[in-house]
């Protein structure tokens, strides 16, 4: 990964919430829930590789406030997500 484009703090909903760029491509980031952006991880500006190296800790991208709490109930937890990925091959 070569760079991360962050959403604007205070941004609510909308389409993409950021962009991940690598040498070969740029990909939009999407949020699976309605939200407001509370903060972004500025440390990624100088070290975008943290997203791949330590996504669960130092590589976090942004913090959100849920707009519709019931939306959270339909999301997969980490174990269920990995199981789904394995099933899809």
Protein backbone atom coordinates (compact mmCIF):
# COMPACT_ATOMS: atom_id res chain seq x y z
CA UNK A 1 0.00 0.00 0.00
CA UNK A 2 1.37 3.40 -0.91
CA UNK A 3 -1.21 5.78 0.62
CA UNK A 4 -4.49 6.14 2.46
CA UNK A 5 -7.03 8.91 1.82
CA UNK A 6 -9.19 9.56 4.84
CA UNK A 7 -12.79 10.66 5.14
CA UNK A 8 -13.50 14.09 6.58
CA UNK A 9 -14.13 14.13 10.35
CA UNK A 10 -17.85 14.70 10.84
CA UNK A 11 -18.72 13.12 7.47
CA UNK A 12 -21.97 11.23 7.67
CA UNK A 13 -22.84 8.36 5.38
CA UNK A 14 -22.25 9.02 1.70
CA UNK A 15 -20.64 6.62 -0.74
CA UNK A 16 -16.93 6.03 -0.16
CA UNK A 17 -15.30 6.76 3.20
CA UNK A 18 -11.75 6.80 1.92
CA UNK A 19 -9.31 5.45 -0.65
CA UNK A 20 -6.49 2.91 -0.42
CA UNK A 21 -3.79 3.28 -3.07
CA UNK A 22 -1.12 0.82 -4.08
CA UNK A 23 1.37 0.84 -6.92
CA UNK A 24 -1.13 -0.91 -9.20
CA UNK A 25 -4.57 0.37 -8.14
CA UNK A 26 -6.70 2.68 -6.04
CA UNK A 27 -9.69 1.25 -4.20
CA UNK A 28 -12.53 3.06 -2.48
CA UNK A 29 -13.36 2.12 1.12
CA UNK A 30 -17.00 1.63 2.03
CA UNK A 31 -18.72 1.45 5.39
CA UNK A 32 -21.26 -1.33 5.95
CA UNK A 33 -23.22 0.83 8.42
CA UNK A 34 -24.65 4.35 8.63
CA UNK A 35 -22.15 6.40 10.58
CA UNK A 36 -20.42 9.64 11.45
CA UNK A 37 -16.61 9.81 11.23
CA UNK A 38 -15.19 10.75 14.65
CA UNK A 39 -11.43 10.50 14.04
CA UNK A 40 -8.84 9.23 11.58
CA UNK A 41 -5.46 7.57 12.16
CA UNK A 42 -3.00 10.23 11.02
CA UNK A 43 -0.11 7.79 11.67
CA UNK A 44 -1.04 6.08 8.40
CA UNK A 45 -0.04 9.19 6.44
CA UNK A 46 3.61 8.30 6.93
CA UNK A 47 3.21 4.54 7.33
CA UNK A 48 0.28 3.18 5.27
CA UNK A 49 1.79 -0.32 5.50
CA UNK A 50 0.46 -0.48 9.08
CA UNK A 51 -2.95 -1.33 7.61
CA UNK A 52 -1.53 -4.66 6.39
CA UNK A 53 0.90 -5.22 9.25
CA UNK A 54 -1.30 -4.45 12.25
CA UNK A 55 -4.89 -3.80 11.14
CA UNK A 56 -6.33 -4.72 14.54
CA UNK A 57 -4.22 -2.21 16.48
CA UNK A 58 -1.81 0.41 15.05
CA UNK A 59 -3.26 0.12 11.52
CA UNK A 60 -6.81 1.23 12.33
CA UNK A 61 -8.15 3.73 9.78
CA UNK A 62 -11.00 5.68 11.31
CA UNK A 63 -13.38 5.63 14.25
CA UNK A 64 -17.10 5.97 13.76
CA UNK A 65 -20.28 6.64 15.67
CA UNK A 66 -23.12 4.40 14.52
CA UNK A 67 -26.13 6.30 13.22
CA UNK A 68 -28.45 3.29 13.32
CA UNK A 69 -27.42 0.87 16.08
CA UNK A 70 -29.52 -2.08 14.77
CA UNK A 71 -27.34 -2.16 11.62
CA UNK A 72 -24.47 -3.42 13.77
CA UNK A 73 -26.39 -6.58 14.67
CA UNK A 74 -26.18 -7.98 11.12
CA UNK A 75 -22.39 -7.64 10.80
CA UNK A 76 -20.12 -10.69 11.12
CA UNK A 77 -17.58 -10.95 13.91
CA UNK A 78 -13.96 -11.76 13.02
CA UNK A 79 -14.33 -15.53 13.29
CA UNK A 80 -17.55 -15.63 11.24
CA UNK A 81 -15.96 -13.41 8.58
CA UNK A 82 -12.91 -15.66 8.25
CA UNK A 83 -15.16 -18.71 8.02
CA UNK A 84 -17.16 -17.05 5.24
CA UNK A 85 -13.98 -16.17 3.32
CA UNK A 86 -12.69 -19.74 3.62
CA UNK A 87 -16.01 -21.11 2.31
CA UNK A 88 -15.84 -18.83 -0.73
CA UNK A 89 -12.37 -20.08 -1.55
